[in-house]
Amino acid sequence: MSYVVKVVFGPDREYEFYTNAEAVEALDRNVARDWLVREMEALECDAPNPMGKVLVVDLILNLAKCAGEARFAEGGEWAQTFAQVVARLLDRPVARIDVENFTVG
């Protein structure tokens, strides 16, 4: 089985990333979440909810927004790692990260 993570910034601005089940399942959930938090800090992104519990979906959406479209358009190692982390944390064969509308589907 493979996983597909789509990151959408608007019409005709959709980027697809594929990763295999072995890579996703080998990634510990805590390590995946920690990666999101570290990247948020490294990119100096605003905390999604500084006063309370932070949901993983909020971290994913905020990091994608903060990282910016160019990072996904490049399709490099960072974007591939993001996709693998998202696939692990959401545990769905297909995930759509809609940055423009701030939704995960």
C-alpha atoms as a PDB file:
ATOM      1  CA  MET A   1       0.000   0.000   0.000  1.00  0.00           C
ATOM      2  CA  SER A   2       1.148   3.530  -0.605  1.00  0.00           C
ATOM      3  CA  TYR A   3       0.117   6.849   0.888  1.00  0.00           C
ATOM      4  CA  VAL A   4      -0.661  10.042  -0.985  1.00  0.00           C
ATOM      5  CA  VAL A   5      -0.459  13.450   0.649  1.00  0.00           C
ATOM      6  CA  LYS A   6      -1.784  16.383  -1.366  1.00  0.00           C
ATOM      7  CA  VAL A   7      -0.886  19.901  -0.306  1.00  0.00           C
ATOM      8  CA  VAL A   8      -3.146  22.517  -1.879  1.00  0.00           C
ATOM      9  CA  PHE A   9      -2.513  26.257  -2.030  1.00  0.00           C
ATOM     10  CA  GLY A  10      -5.323  27.094  -4.470  1.00  0.00           C
ATOM     11  CA  PRO A  11      -6.740  26.147  -7.861  1.00  0.00           C
ATOM     12  CA  ASP A  12      -4.079  24.539 -10.064  1.00  0.00           C
ATOM     13  CA  ARG A  13      -1.609  24.763  -7.157  1.00  0.00           C
ATOM     14  CA  GLU A  14      -1.742  21.218  -5.795  1.00  0.00           C
ATOM     15  CA  TYR A  15       1.318  19.139  -4.968  1.00  0.00           C
ATOM     16  CA  GLU A  16       1.188  15.361  -4.515  1.00  0.00           C
ATOM     17  CA  PHE A  17       3.661  13.310  -2.552  1.00  0.00           C
ATOM     18  CA  TYR A  18       3.788   9.530  -2.426  1.00  0.00           C
ATOM     19  CA  THR A  19       5.316   7.364   0.258  1.00  0.00           C
ATOM     20  CA  ASN A  20       5.205   3.643   0.868  1.00  0.00           C
ATOM     21  CA  ALA A  21       3.627   1.885   3.807  1.00  0.00           C
ATOM     22  CA  GLU A  22       6.934   0.539   5.133  1.00  0.00           C
ATOM     23  CA  ALA A  23       8.402   4.037   5.509  1.00  0.00           C
ATOM     24  CA  VAL A  24       5.242   5.375   7.132  1.00  0.00           C
ATOM     25  CA  GLU A  25       4.773   2.482   9.536  1.00  0.00           C
ATOM     26  CA  ALA A  26       8.450   2.547  10.560  1.00  0.00           C
ATOM     27  CA  LEU A  27       8.055   6.140  11.753  1.00  0.00           C
ATOM     28  CA  ASP A  28       7.116   6.397  15.413  1.00  0.00           C
ATOM     29  CA  ARG A  29       4.101   8.664  16.007  1.00  0.00           C
ATOM     30  CA  ASN A  30       5.890  10.647  18.728  1.00  0.00           C
ATOM     31  CA  VAL A  31       8.906  11.184  16.473  1.00  0.00           C
ATOM     32  CA  ALA A  32       6.570  12.375  13.707  1.00  0.00           C
ATOM     33  CA  ARG A  33       4.829  14.864  15.993  1.00  0.00           C
ATOM     34  CA  ASP A  34       8.145  16.069  17.372  1.00  0.00           C
ATOM     35  CA  TRP A  35       9.320  16.721  13.794  1.00  0.00           C
ATOM     36  CA  LEU A  36       6.309  18.999  13.234  1.00  0.00           C
ATOM     37  CA  VAL A  37       7.034  20.922  16.430  1.00  0.00           C
ATOM     38  CA  ARG A  38      10.757  21.266  15.637  1.00  0.00           C
ATOM     39  CA  GLU A  39      10.005  22.523  12.133  1.00  0.00           C
ATOM     40  CA  MET A  40       7.473  25.017  13.491  1.00  0.00           C
ATOM     41  CA  GLU A  41      10.159  26.356  15.809  1.00  0.00           C
ATOM     42  CA  ALA A  42      12.892  26.328  13.137  1.00  0.00           C
ATOM     43  CA  LEU A  43      10.708  28.310  10.729  1.00  0.00           C
ATOM     44  CA  GLU A  44       9.568  30.586  13.560  1.00  0.00           C
ATOM     45  CA  CYS A  45       5.912  29.827  12.867  1.00  0.00           C
ATOM     46  CA  ASP A  46       3.279  31.142  15.234  1.00  0.00           C
ATOM     47  CA  ALA A  47       1.895  28.560  17.622  1.00  0.00           C
ATOM     48  CA  PRO A  48      -1.565  27.459  16.460  1.00  0.00           C
ATOM     49  CA  ASN A  49      -3.058  27.721  19.953  1.00  0.00           C
ATOM     50  CA  PRO A  50      -0.675  29.219  22.500  1.00  0.00           C
ATOM     51  CA  MET A  51      -3.264  29.048  25.300  1.00  0.00           C
ATOM     52  CA  GLY A  52      -4.334  25.425  25.146  1.00  0.00           C
ATOM     53  CA  LYS A  53      -4.092  21.996  23.628  1.00  0.00           C
ATOM     54  CA  VAL A  54      -2.601  21.891  20.139  1.00  0.00           C
ATOM     55  CA  LEU A  55      -4.166  19.373  17.774  1.00  0.00           C
ATOM     56  CA  VAL A  56      -1.951  17.604  15.282  1.00  0.00           C
ATOM     57  CA  VAL A  57      -4.175  18.868  12.454  1.00  0.00           C
ATOM     58  CA  ASP A  58      -3.472  22.436  13.563  1.00  0.00           C
ATOM     59  CA  LEU A  59       0.259  21.740  13.539  1.00  0.00           C
ATOM     60  CA  ILE A  60       0.079  20.250  10.048  1.00  0.00           C
ATOM     61  CA  LEU A  61      -1.934  23.129   8.594  1.00  0.00           C
ATOM     62  CA  ASN A  62       0.113  25.840  10.274  1.00  0.00           C
ATOM     63  CA  LEU A  63       3.421  24.303   9.263  1.00  0.00           C
ATOM     64  CA  ALA A  64       2.316  23.932   5.637  1.00  0.00           C
ATOM     65  CA  LYS A  65       1.198  27.565   5.602  1.00  0.00           C
ATOM     66  CA  CYS A  66       4.337  28.837   7.285  1.00  0.00           C
ATOM     67  CA  ALA A  67       6.686  26.750   5.135  1.00  0.00           C
ATOM     68  CA  GLY A  68       5.091  28.196   2.021  1.00  0.00           C
ATOM     69  CA  GLU A  69       4.163  26.929  -1.388  1.00  0.00           C
ATOM     70  CA  ALA A  70       7.677  27.112  -2.852  1.00  0.00           C
ATOM     71  CA  ARG A  71       8.935  24.437  -0.476  1.00  0.00           C
ATOM     72  CA  PHE A  72       6.268  22.030  -1.733  1.00  0.00           C
ATOM     73  CA  ALA A  73       6.692  23.043  -5.366  1.00  0.00           C
ATOM     74  CA  GLU A  74      10.380  22.068  -5.129  1.00  0.00           C
ATOM     75  CA  GLY A  75       9.325  18.598  -4.026  1.00  0.00           C
ATOM     76  CA  GLY A  76      12.578  18.065  -2.156  1.00  0.00           C
ATOM     77  CA  GLU A  77      13.486  16.107   0.935  1.00  0.00           C
ATOM     78  CA  TRP A  78      11.690  18.493   3.310  1.00  0.00           C
ATOM     79  CA  ALA A  79       8.380  18.157   1.449  1.00  0.00           C
ATOM     80  CA  GLN A  80       8.753  14.382   1.269  1.00  0.00           C
ATOM     81  CA  THR A  81       9.420  14.188   5.010  1.00  0.00           C
ATOM     82  CA  PHE A  82       6.388  16.391   5.651  1.00  0.00           C
ATOM     83  CA  ALA A  83       4.267  13.984   3.588  1.00  0.00           C
ATOM     84  CA  GLN A  84       5.598  10.957   5.442  1.00  0.00           C
ATOM     85  CA  VAL A  85       4.936  12.602   8.822  1.00  0.00           C
ATOM     86  CA  VAL A  86       1.402  13.586   7.760  1.00  0.00           C
ATOM     87  CA  ALA A  87       0.678  10.083   6.467  1.00  0.00           C
ATOM     88  CA  ARG A  88       1.844   8.600   9.772  1.00  0.00           C
ATOM     89  CA  LEU A  89      -0.072  10.977  12.006  1.00  0.00           C
ATOM     90  CA  LEU A  90      -3.323  10.987  10.039  1.00  0.00           C
ATOM     91  CA  ASP A  91      -3.066   7.272   9.163  1.00  0.00           C
ATOM     92  CA  ARG A  92      -5.061   7.605   5.928  1.00  0.00           C
ATOM     93  CA  PRO A  93      -4.129   6.334   2.472  1.00  0.00           C
ATOM     94  CA  VAL A  94      -4.982   9.765   1.024  1.00  0.00           C
ATOM     95  CA  ALA A  95      -4.748  13.069   2.881  1.00  0.00           C
ATOM     96  CA  ARG A  96      -5.526  16.489   1.431  1.00  0.00           C
ATOM     97  CA  ILE A  97      -3.967  19.440   3.227  1.00  0.00           C
ATOM     98  CA  ASP A  98      -5.844  22.481   1.945  1.00  0.00           C
ATOM     99  CA  VAL A  99      -3.773  25.441   3.083  1.00  0.00           C
ATOM    100  CA  GLU A 100      -5.986  28.010   1.345  1.00  0.00           C
ATOM    101  CA  ASN A 101      -9.151  26.852   3.123  1.00  0.00           C
ATOM    102  CA  PHE A 102      -7.319  25.629   6.239  1.00  0.00           C
ATOM    103  CA  THR A 103      -8.827  22.146   6.157  1.00  0.00           C
ATOM    104  CA  VAL A 104      -7.628  18.559   6.181  1.00  0.00           C
ATOM    105  CA  GLY A 105      -9.558  15.998   4.225  1.00  0.00           C
END
